[in-house]
Amino acid sequence: MTARPELVAEAASVTFSAGFGGRLRTHALRGLTLRVGGERPAITAVVGESGSGKTTLLRLLLGFQAPTAGTVSFGGRPVAAFGPAERRDFRRRVQAVFQDPFDAFNPFWRVEHPLVAPLMAFGLAPTRAVALEQSAAALAAVGLNPGETIGKYPHQLSGGQRQRVMIARALAVDPSILLADEPVSMVDASLRATILESLWKMNRERGIALVYVTHDLTTAYQVADVVLVLYGGMVMEVGAAEEVIHRPRHPYTSALVEAVPSPDPQVDWKLGDGREAAEPGRPPALGCPFAPRCPHAMPRCTAERPALFRTDAMRAAACFLHERAAAATPAAIQAAVAGAEGGG
């Protein structure tokens, strides 16, 4: 399988300013380094509660949001420096699937329109007839019957069918990377496994790297190779999915895992100990953003920003509890997980 271009965020930060003179600042992302795609395309799940920076990260990787500091590059070239031809190629190779499958459709067009239009626009099909054939193949690849799908309007399909049409649209243009923003959160539980399997197959069979943004640790564990935990725009923990979910090293990750309801009715749901920040939506500008809510917080946690410490071969956590370990980056942990899974 030929190596596909790599999408890299290098020490990328995004800060939003408001008020007179921009005095009010929100740090949506803080110095994040992440690699997606390349020789060993993996599935990276980005998890965290609302306001943690997941959507900003997605917009950054899509080129919709410029970094305040740091860079985003694709194929070794900064996205900000792309000319029209490079940007067009970037738009084809980096595709997205969003949360609401209905919002992605124009209700006045039949469902084949969002499949045929990009094929024609990117010059991947010489005629509409060929584009329809390619669209039918993409629909079949995600488990839809083309004969029962093509020709219908969006309202005539279920939410799960609409979401699979959107995945088929992305698949049809042969992307290198797929960025999926909560793709199963508005779909019936019975269809989630089908959609997640489609995404998993895109990665394993076609070599398409996937960034799966979610607040759901359960589905992240099911589909991801690497889990990256965000809070307050900062990476709290990153590592192999098995390690992060079953043996979390950061207090925030532990809190997320403990909050997942157990399917056993005899086990009480752990809804937290009531230790909340005074302003949970506005973490401190200095130090660890989770410090006001952390049961292990020390005075330095609100004054110094912890590095991402490598706690073991395929894991790192941004917490002073692990300060004796060497510093790492999410990209280094991603490479370690890919190497282990590839046998290297």
Protein backbone atom coordinates (compact mmCIF):
# COMPACT_ATOMS: atom_id res chain seq x y z
CA MET A 1 0.00 0.00 0.00
CA THR A 2 1.47 3.37 -1.03
CA ALA A 3 2.12 5.82 1.80
CA ARG A 4 -0.36 8.68 1.84
CA PRO A 5 0.51 12.30 2.76
CA GLU A 6 0.71 13.11 6.45
CA LEU A 7 -1.29 15.86 8.16
CA VAL A 8 0.75 17.39 11.00
CA ALA A 9 -0.13 19.92 13.70
CA GLU A 10 3.14 21.14 15.23
CA ALA A 11 2.95 22.95 18.61
CA ALA A 12 -0.37 24.40 17.44
CA SER A 13 -2.33 26.76 19.67
CA VAL A 14 -5.63 28.53 19.06
CA THR A 15 -6.60 31.53 21.19
CA PHE A 16 -9.84 33.48 20.78
CA SER A 17 -9.96 37.10 21.93
CA ALA A 18 -12.96 39.18 22.95
CA GLY A 19 -13.73 42.45 24.74
CA PHE A 20 -12.11 45.84 24.23
CA GLY A 21 -8.56 45.41 22.96
CA GLY A 22 -8.92 41.64 23.07
CA ARG A 23 -8.41 41.54 26.84
CA LEU A 24 -10.58 38.46 27.32
CA ARG A 25 -8.84 35.39 25.94
CA THR A 26 -9.95 31.80 25.64
CA HIS A 27 -7.26 29.19 25.02
CA ALA A 28 -9.09 26.68 22.84
CA LEU A 29 -5.94 24.65 22.05
CA ARG A 30 -2.56 24.78 23.78
CA GLY A 31 0.61 23.70 21.98
CA LEU A 32 -0.70 20.49 20.45
CA THR A 33 1.52 18.28 18.28
CA LEU A 34 -0.30 15.57 16.34
CA ARG A 35 0.39 13.48 13.25
CA VAL A 36 -2.33 11.88 11.13
CA GLY A 37 -1.77 9.50 8.22
CA GLY A 38 1.56 8.68 6.63
CA GLU A 39 3.07 5.21 6.33
CA ARG A 40 1.01 3.67 9.13
CA PRO A 41 -2.46 5.26 9.03
CA ALA A 42 -4.21 4.65 12.33
CA ILE A 43 -7.50 5.50 14.01
CA THR A 44 -7.02 8.22 16.62
CA ALA A 45 -9.94 8.95 18.94
CA VAL A 46 -10.05 12.44 20.44
CA VAL A 47 -12.20 12.38 23.59
CA GLY A 48 -13.27 14.93 26.16
CA GLU A 49 -16.33 16.72 27.46
CA SER A 50 -17.99 19.69 25.78
CA GLY A 51 -15.69 22.72 25.59
CA SER A 52 -12.50 20.66 25.77
CA GLY A 53 -11.28 21.78 22.33
CA LYS A 54 -12.34 18.83 20.16
CA THR A 55 -14.22 20.87 17.55
CA THR A 56 -11.46 23.50 17.41
CA LEU A 57 -8.94 20.74 16.75
CA LEU A 58 -11.09 19.40 13.93
CA ARG A 59 -11.45 22.87 12.36
CA LEU A 60 -7.68 23.34 12.66
CA LEU A 61 -6.95 20.06 10.85
CA LEU A 62 -9.49 20.88 8.14
CA GLY A 63 -7.85 24.23 7.49
CA PHE A 64 -10.97 26.16 8.56
CA GLN A 65 -9.18 27.63 11.59
CA ALA A 66 -5.69 29.15 11.43
CA PRO A 67 -3.43 28.45 14.41
CA THR A 68 -2.55 31.41 16.65
CA ALA A 69 0.86 29.79 17.15
CA GLY A 70 2.53 26.76 15.61
CA THR A 71 1.80 25.27 12.19
CA VAL A 72 -0.42 22.81 10.34
CA SER A 73 1.11 21.10 7.32
CA PHE A 74 0.05 18.48 4.80
CA GLY A 75 2.50 16.49 2.73
CA GLY A 76 5.34 18.55 4.22
CA ARG A 77 3.87 21.93 3.15
CA PRO A 78 2.20 24.47 5.47
CA VAL A 79 -1.54 24.57 4.76
CA ALA A 80 -1.49 28.37 5.11
CA ALA A 81 0.92 28.60 2.14
CA PHE A 82 -1.16 26.50 -0.25
CA GLY A 83 -1.95 27.88 -3.67
CA PRO A 84 -5.29 27.14 -5.41
CA ALA A 85 -4.16 23.78 -6.87
CA GLU A 86 -2.67 22.56 -3.56
CA ARG A 87 -5.75 23.65 -1.63
CA ARG A 88 -8.00 21.83 -4.08
CA ASP A 89 -5.96 18.64 -3.63
CA PHE A 90 -6.05 19.10 0.16
CA ARG A 91 -9.84 19.44 0.08
CA ARG A 92 -10.11 16.11 -1.74
CA ARG A 93 -7.60 14.21 0.37
CA VAL A 94 -8.81 15.42 3.77
CA GLN A 95 -12.51 14.67 4.12
CA ALA A 96 -14.94 15.19 7.01
CA VAL A 97 -18.10 13.54 8.35
CA PHE A 98 -20.08 15.69 10.75
CA GLN A 99 -22.41 15.00 13.66
CA ASP A 100 -25.83 15.74 12.18
CA PRO A 101 -26.42 13.71 9.00
CA PHE A 102 -29.49 15.77 8.08
CA ASP A 103 -27.77 19.17 8.19
CA ALA A 104 -25.25 17.92 5.62
CA PHE A 105 -27.96 17.57 2.95
CA ASN A 106 -29.84 20.10 0.87
CA PRO A 107 -33.43 18.81 1.25
CA PHE A 108 -34.23 19.85 -2.35
CA TRP A 109 -31.59 17.54 -3.88
CA ARG A 110 -31.79 13.78 -4.13
CA VAL A 111 -29.23 11.93 -2.03
CA GLU A 112 -26.98 11.04 -4.96
CA HIS A 113 -26.19 14.74 -5.52
CA PRO A 114 -23.61 15.06 -2.69
CA LEU A 115 -21.89 11.92 -4.05
CA VAL A 116 -21.87 12.83 -7.74
CA ALA A 117 -21.01 16.55 -7.35
CA PRO A 118 -17.55 16.12 -5.71
CA LEU A 119 -16.60 13.36 -8.16
CA MET A 120 -17.34 15.69 -11.05
CA ALA A 121 -15.80 18.75 -9.35
CA PHE A 122 -12.51 16.98 -8.60
CA GLY A 123 -12.34 15.46 -12.09
CA LEU A 124 -12.58 11.89 -10.78
CA ALA A 125 -15.39 10.94 -13.17
CA PRO A 126 -15.57 11.99 -16.85
CA THR A 127 -19.39 11.85 -17.02
CA ARG A 128 -22.36 11.86 -14.68
CA ALA A 129 -23.08 8.24 -15.61
CA VAL A 130 -19.61 7.18 -14.47
CA ALA A 131 -19.99 9.27 -11.30
CA LEU A 132 -23.27 7.46 -10.54
CA GLU A 133 -21.53 4.09 -10.95
CA GLN A 134 -18.76 5.17 -8.58
CA SER A 135 -21.34 6.50 -6.13
CA ALA A 136 -23.19 3.18 -6.20
CA ALA A 137 -19.94 1.34 -5.40
CA ALA A 138 -19.27 3.69 -2.47
CA LEU A 139 -22.81 3.19 -1.12
CA ALA A 140 -22.39 -0.58 -1.32
CA ALA A 141 -19.06 -0.31 0.53
CA VAL A 142 -20.83 1.21 3.56
CA GLY A 143 -23.61 -1.37 3.58
CA LEU A 144 -26.33 0.47 1.65
CA ASN A 145 -28.27 -0.92 -1.29
CA PRO A 146 -27.70 1.59 -4.14
CA GLY A 147 -30.98 0.64 -5.80
CA GLU A 148 -32.89 1.52 -2.63
CA THR A 149 -30.91 4.69 -1.92
CA ILE A 150 -30.22 6.53 -5.19
CA GLY A 151 -33.19 8.62 -6.30
CA LYS A 152 -34.53 9.28 -2.81
CA TYR A 153 -34.67 12.57 -0.92
CA PRO A 154 -32.92 12.93 2.44
CA HIS A 155 -36.17 12.85 4.45
CA GLN A 156 -36.95 9.44 2.97
CA LEU A 157 -33.89 7.89 4.64
CA SER A 158 -33.30 7.11 8.30
CA GLY A 159 -30.62 8.94 10.28
CA GLY A 160 -28.32 5.94 10.04
CA GLN A 161 -28.77 5.73 6.28
CA ARG A 162 -28.08 9.46 5.86
CA GLN A 163 -24.90 9.18 7.90
CA ARG A 164 -23.72 6.23 5.81
CA VAL A 165 -24.39 8.24 2.64
CA MET A 166 -22.10 10.95 4.05
CA ILE A 167 -19.39 8.37 4.75
CA ALA A 168 -19.86 7.04 1.21
CA ARG A 169 -19.45 10.60 -0.12
CA ALA A 170 -16.11 10.89 1.65
CA LEU A 171 -15.03 7.42 0.54
CA ALA A 172 -15.89 8.01 -3.14
CA VAL A 173 -13.18 10.66 -3.65
CA ASP A 174 -10.43 8.33 -2.30
CA PRO A 175 -9.24 10.49 0.62
CA SER A 176 -6.05 10.03 2.63
CA ILE A 177 -7.60 11.20 5.89
CA LEU A 178 -11.12 11.24 7.30
CA LEU A 179 -12.05 13.53 10.19
CA ALA A 180 -15.24 12.29 11.86
CA ASP A 181 -16.99 14.59 14.35
CA GLU A 182 -19.33 12.58 16.63
CA PRO A 183 -20.50 10.50 13.64
CA VAL A 184 -22.72 8.15 15.67
CA SER A 185 -24.03 10.43 18.43
CA MET A 186 -27.34 11.10 16.63
CA VAL A 187 -27.83 7.56 15.36
CA ASP A 188 -29.81 4.73 16.97
CA ALA A 189 -27.71 2.41 19.11
CA SER A 190 -28.59 -0.49 16.81
CA LEU A 191 -26.84 1.25 13.88
CA ARG A 192 -23.77 2.56 15.69
CA ALA A 193 -21.85 -0.70 15.33
CA THR A 194 -22.57 -0.76 11.57
CA ILE A 195 -21.27 2.78 11.05
CA LEU A 196 -18.22 2.23 13.25
CA GLU A 197 -17.45 -0.96 11.33
CA SER A 198 -17.61 1.00 8.05
CA LEU A 199 -15.10 3.50 9.43
CA TRP A 200 -12.85 0.72 10.75
CA LYS A 201 -12.86 -1.01 7.34
CA MET A 202 -11.95 2.26 5.60
CA ASN A 203 -8.83 2.33 7.73
CA ARG A 204 -7.86 -1.33 7.63
CA GLU A 205 -8.75 -2.14 4.01
CA ARG A 206 -8.07 1.18 2.24
CA GLY A 207 -5.35 2.72 4.40
CA ILE A 208 -7.39 5.83 5.23
CA ALA A 209 -6.29 7.48 8.49
CA LEU A 210 -9.17 8.41 10.78
CA VAL A 211 -9.55 11.02 13.51
CA TYR A 212 -12.65 10.07 15.48
CA VAL A 213 -13.87 12.93 17.68
CA THR A 214 -16.26 11.82 20.42
CA HIS A 215 -17.34 12.24 24.03
CA ASP A 216 -18.13 8.51 24.19
CA LEU A 217 -15.28 6.46 25.66
CA THR A 218 -17.06 3.21 24.87
CA THR A 219 -17.09 3.71 21.10
CA ALA A 220 -13.58 5.22 21.23
CA TYR A 221 -12.35 2.01 22.84
CA GLN A 222 -14.13 -0.13 20.24
CA VAL A 223 -12.69 1.54 17.16
CA ALA A 224 -9.48 3.42 18.03
CA ASP A 225 -5.81 2.45 18.03
CA VAL A 226 -4.83 5.61 19.94
CA VAL A 227 -6.91 7.65 22.38
CA LEU A 228 -6.09 11.33 22.96
CA VAL A 229 -7.83 12.96 25.94
CA LEU A 230 -8.41 16.74 25.76
CA TYR A 231 -9.44 19.14 28.51
CA GLY A 232 -9.28 22.93 28.39
CA GLY A 233 -7.53 22.76 25.02
CA MET A 234 -4.65 20.70 26.43
CA VAL A 235 -3.75 17.03 25.98
CA MET A 236 -4.26 15.37 29.37
CA GLU A 237 -3.32 11.86 28.28
CA VAL A 238 -2.52 9.98 25.09
CA GLY A 239 -1.78 6.34 24.42
CA ALA A 240 -2.91 2.97 23.14
CA ALA A 241 -6.68 2.64 23.59
CA GLU A 242 -6.38 -0.45 25.79
CA GLU A 243 -3.97 1.32 28.16
CA VAL A 244 -5.80 4.64 28.40
CA ILE A 245 -9.26 3.17 29.00
CA HIS A 246 -8.32 0.31 31.32
CA ARG A 247 -5.36 1.85 33.16
CA PRO A 248 -5.70 5.67 33.01
CA ARG A 249 -2.77 7.69 34.35
CA HIS A 250 -4.30 11.18 34.45
CA PRO A 251 -6.94 12.11 37.08
CA TYR A 252 -9.18 13.57 34.37
CA THR A 253 -9.09 10.37 32.31
CA SER A 254 -9.88 8.39 35.47
CA ALA A 255 -12.89 10.64 36.13
CA LEU A 256 -14.14 10.12 32.55
CA VAL A 257 -13.79 6.35 32.80
CA GLU A 258 -15.49 6.22 36.21
CA ALA A 259 -18.41 8.29 34.88
CA VAL A 260 -19.24 5.68 32.20
CA PRO A 261 -22.43 3.93 33.44
CA SER A 262 -22.06 0.21 34.03
CA PRO A 263 -24.47 -2.12 32.19
CA ASP A 264 -24.72 -4.17 35.40
CA PRO A 265 -27.80 -2.94 37.35
CA GLN A 266 -26.11 -4.00 40.62
CA VAL A 267 -23.26 -1.53 40.09
CA ASP A 268 -23.93 2.07 41.15
CA TRP A 269 -23.28 4.80 38.58
CA LYS A 270 -20.32 6.96 39.61
CA LEU A 271 -21.43 10.50 39.00
CA GLY A 272 -18.46 12.26 40.58
CA ASP A 273 -17.73 13.59 44.06
CA GLY A 274 -19.09 17.08 43.47
CA ARG A 275 -15.62 18.61 43.17
CA GLU A 276 -16.26 21.11 40.39
CA ALA A 277 -14.41 24.23 39.34
CA ALA A 278 -16.04 27.53 40.21
CA GLU A 279 -16.09 28.27 36.49
CA PRO A 280 -15.70 24.90 34.72
CA GLY A 281 -16.08 26.52 31.30
CA ARG A 282 -13.10 28.86 31.84
CA PRO A 283 -9.99 26.97 32.99
CA PRO A 284 -7.06 29.01 34.37
CA ALA A 285 -4.73 30.62 31.84
CA LEU A 286 -1.69 29.23 33.67
CA GLY A 287 -1.03 25.73 34.91
CA CYS A 288 -3.10 22.63 34.35
CA PRO A 289 -6.65 23.45 33.20
CA PHE A 290 -8.00 20.52 35.24
CA ALA A 291 -6.40 21.71 38.51
CA PRO A 292 -9.57 23.34 39.97
CA ARG A 293 -11.39 20.01 39.69
CA CYS A 294 -8.52 17.62 40.42
CA PRO A 295 -8.49 15.63 43.69
CA HIS A 296 -4.66 15.44 43.49
CA ALA A 297 -4.02 19.13 42.77
CA MET A 298 -0.91 20.74 44.32
CA PRO A 299 -0.16 24.48 44.56
CA ARG A 300 2.16 24.30 41.53
CA CYS A 301 -0.63 22.84 39.39
CA THR A 302 -2.31 26.25 39.12
CA ALA A 303 0.97 28.10 38.46
CA GLU A 304 2.88 25.80 36.10
CA ARG A 305 1.80 23.98 33.00
CA PRO A 306 2.84 20.30 33.24
CA ALA A 307 4.67 18.69 30.35
CA LEU A 308 3.35 15.53 28.75
CA PHE A 309 5.33 12.90 30.66
CA ARG A 310 5.92 9.48 29.10
CA THR A 311 4.67 7.12 31.81
CA ASP A 312 5.37 3.97 29.79
CA ALA A 313 6.23 2.84 26.24
CA MET A 314 2.85 3.64 24.69
CA ARG A 315 1.45 6.27 27.06
CA ALA A 316 1.99 9.82 28.26
CA ALA A 317 0.11 11.99 30.77
CA ALA A 318 0.32 15.73 31.47
CA CYS A 319 0.44 15.52 35.26
CA PHE A 320 3.09 16.37 37.85
CA LEU A 321 2.37 13.01 39.51
CA HIS A 322 4.55 11.53 36.73
CA GLU A 323 7.20 14.25 36.66
CA ARG A 324 10.12 11.82 36.96
CA ALA A 325 9.33 10.42 33.50
CA ALA A 326 10.77 11.90 30.29
CA ALA A 327 8.71 14.39 28.27
CA ALA A 328 6.97 13.25 25.07
CA THR A 329 4.56 14.48 22.41
CA PRO A 330 1.29 12.93 21.23
CA ALA A 331 2.98 12.32 17.86
CA ALA A 332 5.75 10.28 19.55
CA ILE A 333 3.16 8.13 21.36
CA GLN A 334 1.21 7.65 18.11
CA ALA A 335 4.41 6.43 16.45
CA ALA A 336 5.11 4.02 19.32
CA VAL A 337 1.60 2.52 19.12
CA ALA A 338 1.84 2.21 15.32
CA GLY A 339 5.24 0.53 15.65
CA ALA A 340 3.96 -1.99 18.19
CA GLU A 341 0.91 -2.84 16.08
CA GLY A 342 3.04 -3.12 12.95
CA GLY A 343 5.40 -5.50 14.65
CA GLY A 344 8.26 -2.98 14.77
